[in-house]
Amino acid sequence: MTGGEEPVLLHTAGRAAHITLNRPRALNALNHTMVRRIDEALTAWEHDPAVETVVIAGAGERGLCAGGDIRVVHDDARDGDGTASAAFWRDEYRLNARIARYPKPYVAVMDGIVMGGGVGISAHGDVRVVTERSRVAMPETGIGFVPDVGGTYLLALAPGELGTFLALTGAPVGAGDAVLCGLADHYVPSASLGQLLDELAELPAREAVARRSEPTPPGELAARREWIDPCFAADTVEGIVRRLLAHGDPAAKETAETLLTKSPTALKVTLASVRRARRLGSLERVLDQEYRVSCAALAIPDLVEGIRAQVIDKDRDPHWSPATLADVTDTDVERFFAPLGERELGLARSRSRSRSRSRSRDLDLDLDHGLGHDLAEPDIT
């Protein structure tokens, strides 16, 4: 299925409709065309009675998706005015929200590399399958960016401070830790994926996955929580680093050293984003926040520099500005959360209106059946 020119391949098999990301040489990195194509497919299948399940997977052997096409973002931030990136994120984040609310089972085959935007199109689904080859991560702080695609929402829900740890370090996790952190649900050996896809054509999604699921292998993070939870509970990134260095566990010291290689601005904004996400509640509210943060990131030098160092020149030697955590002020951080006015993503507002219309329809039905009088009367003042 990797030979075609289309970046997204669509087909149906029995009761299942399949989305295959088809840029294996680019690790199936998402671009704007792919996001639109996926959204169009979900629209068509949502109203197709022949489709009971939607399945998303990646072409090739390396992974589902390594994230968004950040070379395009780099060029837009460096040479353009950022409007192309903002438009891409607007549609991408709306797709993330749609996946989370999709009315039919959405099965994500999270085999191999699943990072950044790949998490956004998989971990918001309701049936999320990992394998022994899965490597799941939100590595944005290493390129001067902040976890997005609803990643701060997902990580804010992880046990203890594991989500804060993953958001700040960008560390990839395997199947066991992905399940522990709430990024996946089921473990299926990669050798059984072919059988799983065949059975999804004939069986309800959860029944097919249950047939092929095996006990999830143990991860590594549970044993590390004795230092992760207390260290990453600090109120500031500087406090987290101090606690890690003082803890005594060699892994804690290594983690502190890792943090100090990341963008200081991205680290501080990421910590604030995850903490605020815990208070915001809904995915839509968090995506609205992430959109503000992402658009603000286009205006600082670290995003262009981080992508240059890690992806384009690959010298792995980014020169961050500001260069140290101490040089990033609270005011610097707060700018990332400033309202965008007419440019707001507005997902939370749209969902609120949708729910209000739904409640209105329900009330109309009650009134039609003579059941709504007691409900409606208190509103007449």
Protein backbone atom coordinates (compact mmCIF):
# COMPACT_ATOMS: atom_id res chain seq x y z
CA MET A 1 0.00 0.00 0.00
CA THR A 2 3.01 2.29 -0.02
CA GLY A 3 3.50 2.66 -3.74
CA GLY A 4 0.79 5.24 -4.50
CA GLU A 5 1.24 8.97 -4.70
CA GLU A 6 -1.64 9.80 -2.39
CA PRO A 7 -0.45 10.78 1.12
CA VAL A 8 -3.59 9.25 2.64
CA LEU A 9 -5.07 5.99 1.37
CA LEU A 10 -8.70 5.13 2.06
CA HIS A 11 -10.50 1.84 1.64
CA THR A 12 -13.25 -0.22 3.21
CA ALA A 13 -13.24 -3.89 4.12
CA GLY A 14 -16.43 -5.37 5.44
CA ARG A 15 -17.74 -3.30 8.31
CA ALA A 16 -14.48 -1.32 8.71
CA ALA A 17 -13.19 1.77 6.90
CA HIS A 18 -9.42 2.25 6.84
CA ILE A 19 -7.21 5.34 6.83
CA THR A 20 -3.56 4.66 5.96
CA LEU A 21 -1.03 7.48 6.26
CA ASN A 22 1.11 6.99 3.18
CA ARG A 23 4.36 8.96 3.52
CA PRO A 24 6.62 6.20 4.85
CA ARG A 25 9.86 7.93 3.81
CA ALA A 26 8.84 10.88 5.99
CA LEU A 27 7.67 8.59 8.79
CA ASN A 28 4.12 9.47 7.70
CA ALA A 29 4.50 13.05 8.92
CA LEU A 30 1.24 14.98 8.70
CA ASN A 31 0.74 17.91 6.37
CA HIS A 32 -2.30 20.10 5.80
CA THR A 33 -3.55 18.06 2.86
CA MET A 34 -3.51 14.89 4.96
CA VAL A 35 -5.42 16.50 7.80
CA ARG A 36 -8.12 17.68 5.41
CA ARG A 37 -8.33 14.28 3.72
CA ILE A 38 -8.78 12.49 7.05
CA ASP A 39 -11.47 14.94 8.09
CA GLU A 40 -13.32 14.50 4.80
CA ALA A 41 -13.21 10.72 5.21
CA LEU A 42 -14.57 10.91 8.75
CA THR A 43 -17.43 13.07 7.50
CA ALA A 44 -18.33 10.59 4.78
CA TRP A 45 -18.11 7.54 7.03
CA GLU A 46 -19.96 9.10 9.94
CA HIS A 47 -23.15 9.04 7.86
CA ASP A 48 -22.50 5.76 6.02
CA PRO A 49 -24.51 2.95 7.61
CA ALA A 50 -22.22 0.35 6.03
CA VAL A 51 -19.27 1.64 8.07
CA GLU A 52 -19.29 0.54 11.69
CA THR A 53 -15.62 1.06 12.59
CA VAL A 54 -12.85 3.42 11.47
CA VAL A 55 -9.22 2.22 11.60
CA ILE A 56 -6.12 4.40 11.25
CA ALA A 57 -2.63 3.01 10.63
CA GLY A 58 0.63 4.00 8.97
CA ALA A 59 2.27 2.69 5.80
CA GLY A 60 5.70 1.13 6.06
CA GLU A 61 7.39 -0.61 8.94
CA ARG A 62 8.62 2.33 10.99
CA GLY A 63 5.54 3.79 12.59
CA LEU A 64 2.09 5.32 12.50
CA CYS A 65 3.24 8.95 12.38
CA ALA A 66 6.28 10.89 13.58
CA GLY A 67 4.31 14.14 13.95
CA GLY A 68 3.53 17.18 11.87
CA ASP A 69 5.68 18.22 8.95
CA ILE A 70 7.82 20.62 10.95
CA ARG A 71 10.03 21.58 8.02
CA VAL A 72 7.03 23.46 6.64
CA VAL A 73 6.51 25.15 10.01
CA HIS A 74 10.19 26.08 10.12
CA ASP A 75 10.07 27.74 6.71
CA ASP A 76 6.83 29.55 7.51
CA ALA A 77 8.15 30.87 10.82
CA ARG A 78 11.49 31.88 9.32
CA ASP A 79 10.44 33.31 5.96
CA GLY A 80 6.68 33.79 6.13
CA ASP A 81 4.18 35.43 8.45
CA GLY A 82 3.02 32.29 10.26
CA THR A 83 -0.43 32.20 8.68
CA ALA A 84 0.15 28.84 6.96
CA SER A 85 1.18 27.18 10.23
CA ALA A 86 -1.73 28.73 12.11
CA ALA A 87 -4.15 27.48 9.44
CA PHE A 88 -2.65 23.99 9.61
CA TRP A 89 -2.93 23.88 13.41
CA ARG A 90 -6.50 25.18 13.29
CA ASP A 91 -7.60 22.27 11.11
CA GLU A 92 -5.37 19.75 12.89
CA TYR A 93 -6.66 20.61 16.38
CA ARG A 94 -10.25 20.54 15.14
CA LEU A 95 -9.56 17.07 13.78
CA ASN A 96 -8.12 15.99 17.15
CA ALA A 97 -11.30 17.14 18.88
CA ARG A 98 -13.45 15.42 16.28
CA ILE A 99 -11.65 12.11 16.75
CA ALA A 100 -12.30 12.30 20.50
CA ARG A 101 -16.05 12.82 19.90
CA TYR A 102 -16.44 10.54 16.89
CA PRO A 103 -19.68 8.54 17.18
CA LYS A 104 -18.27 5.30 15.76
CA PRO A 105 -15.44 3.16 17.15
CA TYR A 106 -12.12 4.69 16.09
CA VAL A 107 -9.29 2.15 16.23
CA ALA A 108 -5.75 3.55 16.23
CA VAL A 109 -2.96 1.10 15.39
CA MET A 110 -0.07 2.77 17.26
CA ASP A 111 2.66 0.48 15.96
CA GLY A 112 6.22 1.85 15.79
CA ILE A 113 6.89 5.57 16.14
CA VAL A 114 3.94 7.67 17.31
CA MET A 115 4.99 11.19 18.18
CA GLY A 116 3.56 14.69 18.29
CA GLY A 117 0.82 14.96 15.70
CA GLY A 118 0.76 11.16 15.53
CA VAL A 119 -0.43 11.13 19.13
CA GLY A 120 -3.14 13.63 18.18
CA ILE A 121 -4.66 11.37 15.52
CA SER A 122 -4.45 8.22 17.65
CA ALA A 123 -4.54 8.75 21.42
CA HIS A 124 -7.85 10.63 21.32
CA GLY A 125 -9.52 7.58 19.78
CA ASP A 126 -11.53 5.19 21.89
CA VAL A 127 -9.69 1.97 20.91
CA ARG A 128 -5.91 2.50 20.99
CA VAL A 129 -3.60 -0.42 20.20
CA VAL A 130 0.14 -0.53 20.92
CA THR A 131 2.70 -3.20 20.10
CA GLU A 132 6.16 -4.20 21.27
CA ARG A 133 7.52 -1.78 18.66
CA SER A 134 5.58 1.26 19.85
CA ARG A 135 7.51 4.38 20.84
CA VAL A 136 5.09 7.09 21.93
CA ALA A 137 6.26 10.61 22.74
CA MET A 138 5.53 14.32 22.79
CA PRO A 139 9.09 15.58 22.07
CA GLU A 140 8.29 19.24 21.39
CA THR A 141 10.51 20.89 24.02
CA GLY A 142 13.55 19.61 22.12
CA ILE A 143 12.64 21.75 19.11
CA GLY A 144 11.67 24.89 21.03
CA PHE A 145 7.96 24.08 20.88
CA VAL A 146 5.27 23.00 23.36
CA PRO A 147 3.16 19.80 23.36
CA ASP A 148 0.00 20.35 21.33
CA VAL A 149 -2.69 18.29 19.48
CA GLY A 150 -4.37 17.80 22.85
CA GLY A 151 -1.16 16.35 24.27
CA THR A 152 -1.23 18.57 27.35
CA TYR A 153 -4.79 17.35 28.00
CA LEU A 154 -3.75 13.70 27.81
CA LEU A 155 -0.59 14.19 29.88
CA ALA A 156 -2.43 16.19 32.52
CA LEU A 157 -4.59 13.10 33.12
CA ALA A 158 -1.64 10.71 33.59
CA PRO A 159 -1.06 9.29 37.09
CA GLY A 160 0.89 11.45 39.51
CA GLU A 161 3.47 13.59 37.73
CA LEU A 162 4.19 11.16 34.91
CA GLY A 163 2.53 13.49 32.42
CA THR A 164 4.66 16.41 33.55
CA PHE A 165 7.75 14.22 33.22
CA LEU A 166 6.85 13.16 29.67
CA ALA A 167 5.87 16.68 28.60
CA LEU A 168 9.08 18.30 29.80
CA THR A 169 11.58 15.60 28.84
CA GLY A 170 9.92 14.45 25.61
CA ALA A 171 10.94 10.91 26.57
CA PRO A 172 9.48 8.14 24.36
CA VAL A 173 7.67 5.29 26.09
CA GLY A 174 6.90 1.74 25.09
CA ALA A 175 3.62 -0.16 25.22
CA GLY A 176 3.48 -0.73 28.98
CA ASP A 177 4.11 2.89 29.88
CA ALA A 178 1.80 4.18 27.16
CA VAL A 179 -1.02 2.18 28.74
CA LEU A 180 -0.01 3.26 32.26
CA CYS A 181 -0.07 6.93 31.23
CA GLY A 182 -3.45 6.68 29.49
CA LEU A 183 -2.11 7.09 25.96
CA ALA A 184 -3.19 3.60 24.86
CA ASP A 185 -5.54 0.81 25.94
CA HIS A 186 -4.57 -2.54 24.42
CA TYR A 187 -1.40 -4.48 23.68
CA VAL A 188 -1.37 -6.56 20.51
CA PRO A 189 1.90 -8.13 19.26
CA SER A 190 2.89 -6.74 15.87
CA ALA A 191 2.76 -10.25 14.41
CA SER A 192 -0.99 -10.32 15.14
CA LEU A 193 -1.86 -6.99 13.51
CA GLY A 194 -2.70 -8.57 10.16
CA GLN A 195 -5.19 -10.90 11.83
CA LEU A 196 -6.63 -8.00 13.82
CA LEU A 197 -7.24 -5.94 10.69
CA ASP A 198 -8.91 -8.93 9.00
CA GLU A 199 -11.19 -9.51 11.98
CA LEU A 200 -12.17 -5.83 12.18
CA ALA A 201 -13.91 -6.39 8.84
CA GLU A 202 -16.16 -9.00 10.41
CA LEU A 203 -16.47 -8.24 14.12
CA PRO A 204 -17.32 -5.28 16.35
CA ALA A 205 -14.15 -3.34 17.09
CA ARG A 206 -13.84 -4.14 20.77
CA GLU A 207 -14.51 -7.84 20.18
CA ALA A 208 -11.87 -8.01 17.45
CA VAL A 209 -9.28 -6.21 19.59
CA ALA A 210 -10.10 -8.37 22.62
CA ARG A 211 -9.41 -11.51 20.57
CA ARG A 212 -5.88 -10.38 19.72
CA SER A 213 -4.96 -8.50 22.90
CA GLU A 214 -2.39 -9.94 25.27
CA PRO A 215 -1.26 -8.85 28.76
CA THR A 216 0.59 -5.57 28.49
CA PRO A 217 4.33 -5.96 29.11
CA PRO A 218 5.60 -4.07 32.16
CA GLY A 219 6.98 -0.61 31.56
CA GLU A 220 9.70 1.35 33.30
CA LEU A 221 7.92 4.39 34.72
CA ALA A 222 6.02 2.79 37.59
CA ALA A 223 9.26 1.97 39.39
CA ARG A 224 10.57 5.49 38.78
CA ARG A 225 7.60 7.26 40.32
CA GLU A 226 9.37 7.33 43.68
CA TRP A 227 11.50 10.16 42.29
CA ILE A 228 9.41 11.38 39.35
CA ASP A 229 6.35 12.30 41.42
CA PRO A 230 8.06 14.35 44.14
CA CYS A 231 10.57 16.00 41.81
CA PHE A 232 8.14 16.97 39.07
CA ALA A 233 5.60 18.28 41.58
CA ALA A 234 7.73 21.40 42.08
CA ASP A 235 6.11 24.70 41.11
CA THR A 236 8.84 25.77 38.68
CA VAL A 237 11.17 24.15 36.18
CA GLU A 238 14.11 25.41 38.23
CA GLY A 239 12.59 23.69 41.27
CA ILE A 240 12.18 20.46 39.34
CA VAL A 241 15.82 20.53 38.25
CA ARG A 242 17.00 21.22 41.81
CA ARG A 243 14.97 18.34 43.21
CA LEU A 244 16.25 15.97 40.53
CA LEU A 245 19.87 16.88 41.20
CA ALA A 246 19.39 16.51 44.95
CA HIS A 247 17.52 13.22 44.85
CA GLY A 248 20.46 10.85 44.59
CA ASP A 249 19.07 8.44 42.03
CA PRO A 250 21.35 8.40 38.96
CA ALA A 251 18.30 8.39 36.68
CA ALA A 252 17.04 11.56 38.34
CA LYS A 253 20.38 13.29 37.73
CA GLU A 254 20.35 12.16 34.08
CA THR A 255 16.85 13.57 33.72
CA ALA A 256 17.97 16.94 35.10
CA GLU A 257 20.80 16.99 32.56
CA THR A 258 18.32 16.15 29.79
CA LEU A 259 16.04 19.01 30.80
CA LEU A 260 18.91 21.46 30.65
CA THR A 261 19.41 20.65 26.96
CA LYS A 262 15.85 21.69 26.08
CA SER A 263 14.57 25.15 25.20
CA PRO A 264 14.25 27.08 28.50
CA THR A 265 11.26 28.99 27.17
CA ALA A 266 9.54 25.83 25.91
CA LEU A 267 10.11 24.12 29.26
CA LYS A 268 8.52 26.91 31.26
CA VAL A 269 5.58 27.30 28.89
CA THR A 270 5.08 23.52 28.82
CA LEU A 271 4.94 23.29 32.62
CA ALA A 272 2.40 26.11 32.71
CA SER A 273 0.39 24.47 29.91
CA VAL A 274 0.10 21.10 31.65
CA ARG A 275 -0.80 22.66 34.99
CA ARG A 276 -3.44 24.87 33.38
CA ALA A 277 -4.78 21.93 31.39
CA ARG A 278 -5.58 20.15 34.64
CA ARG A 279 -7.85 23.03 35.60
CA LEU A 280 -9.47 23.59 32.20
CA GLY A 281 -11.29 20.26 32.19
CA SER A 282 -12.44 19.61 28.63
CA LEU A 283 -10.31 18.68 25.64
CA GLU A 284 -11.81 21.57 23.67
CA ARG A 285 -10.75 24.14 26.27
CA VAL A 286 -7.24 22.70 26.30
CA LEU A 287 -6.99 22.71 22.50
CA ASP A 288 -8.06 26.36 22.51
CA GLN A 289 -5.22 27.05 24.93
CA GLU A 290 -2.74 25.04 22.88
CA TYR A 291 -3.66 27.03 19.78
CA ARG A 292 -2.79 30.28 21.55
CA VAL A 293 0.50 28.80 22.71
CA SER A 294 1.41 27.39 19.29
CA CYS A 295 0.69 30.66 17.49
CA ALA A 296 2.78 32.55 20.05
CA ALA A 297 5.67 30.12 19.51
CA LEU A 298 5.94 31.26 15.89
CA ALA A 299 7.13 34.66 17.10
CA ILE A 300 10.09 33.47 19.18
CA PRO A 301 13.47 32.31 17.83
CA ASP A 302 13.58 28.94 19.59
CA LEU A 303 11.13 27.16 17.26
CA VAL A 304 13.10 27.95 14.10
CA GLU A 305 16.40 27.25 15.85
CA GLY A 306 15.23 23.98 17.37
CA ILE A 307 13.93 22.59 14.08
CA ARG A 308 17.12 23.71 12.34
CA ALA A 309 19.34 21.94 14.86
CA GLN A 310 17.33 18.73 15.20
CA VAL A 311 15.81 18.21 11.75
CA ILE A 312 17.40 20.35 9.06
CA ASP A 313 21.12 20.70 9.83
CA LYS A 314 21.00 17.88 12.38
CA ASP A 315 23.95 19.27 14.31
CA ARG A 316 22.02 18.69 17.57
CA ASP A 317 23.43 21.98 18.86
CA PRO A 318 20.58 24.46 19.26
CA HIS A 319 21.38 27.94 20.58
CA TRP A 320 18.36 28.87 22.66
CA SER A 321 17.31 32.47 23.28
CA PRO A 322 16.98 33.13 26.18
CA ALA A 323 19.74 30.63 26.93
CA THR A 324 18.92 29.81 30.57
CA LEU A 325 15.86 29.14 32.68
CA ALA A 326 16.67 32.13 34.87
CA ASP A 327 16.42 34.43 31.86
CA VAL A 328 12.82 33.37 31.05
CA THR A 329 10.50 35.58 33.07
CA ASP A 330 6.91 35.01 34.17
CA THR A 331 5.92 37.77 31.77
CA ASP A 332 7.60 35.89 28.93
CA VAL A 333 5.56 32.81 29.77
CA GLU A 334 2.29 34.66 30.19
CA ARG A 335 2.50 36.06 26.66
CA PHE A 336 1.93 32.57 25.27
CA PHE A 337 -1.52 32.42 26.87
CA ALA A 338 -2.77 35.81 25.74
CA PRO A 339 -6.18 35.75 24.01
CA LEU A 340 -6.14 35.90 20.22
CA GLY A 341 -9.37 37.85 19.77
CA GLU A 342 -10.97 37.06 16.43
CA ARG A 343 -8.24 34.51 15.71
CA GLU A 344 -9.22 32.22 18.60
CA LEU A 345 -9.71 28.55 17.75
CA GLY A 346 -13.06 28.61 19.57
CA LEU A 347 -13.58 24.88 20.02
CA ALA A 348 -14.97 25.18 23.53
CA ARG A 349 -17.41 27.87 22.43
CA SER A 350 -18.54 25.80 19.45
CA ARG A 351 -19.09 22.73 21.60
CA SER A 352 -21.02 24.76 24.15
CA ARG A 353 -23.34 26.04 21.40
CA SER A 354 -23.76 22.52 20.06
CA ARG A 355 -24.68 21.18 23.48
CA SER A 356 -27.10 24.06 24.03
CA ARG A 357 -28.82 23.27 20.72
CA SER A 358 -28.98 19.63 21.75
CA ARG A 359 -30.58 20.52 25.08
CA SER A 360 -33.00 22.79 23.26
CA ARG A 361 -34.01 19.97 20.93
CA ASP A 362 -34.47 17.66 23.91
CA LEU A 363 -36.70 20.21 25.60
CA ASP A 364 -38.76 20.66 22.44
CA LEU A 365 -39.30 16.90 22.33
CA ASP A 366 -40.37 16.88 25.97
CA LEU A 367 -42.85 19.68 25.33
CA ASP A 368 -44.22 17.86 22.29
CA HIS A 369 -44.91 14.87 24.55
CA GLY A 370 -46.44 16.91 27.36
CA LEU A 371 -43.45 16.30 29.68
CA GLY A 372 -41.72 19.64 29.63
CA HIS A 373 -44.00 21.99 31.56
CA ASP A 374 -42.29 21.63 34.92
CA LEU A 375 -38.87 22.03 33.29
CA ALA A 376 -39.76 25.05 31.21
CA GLU A 377 -41.84 27.05 33.71
CA PRO A 378 -38.98 28.22 36.00
CA ASP A 379 -37.35 29.96 33.01
CA ILE A 380 -40.42 32.22 32.54
CA THR A 381 -39.67 35.31 34.59
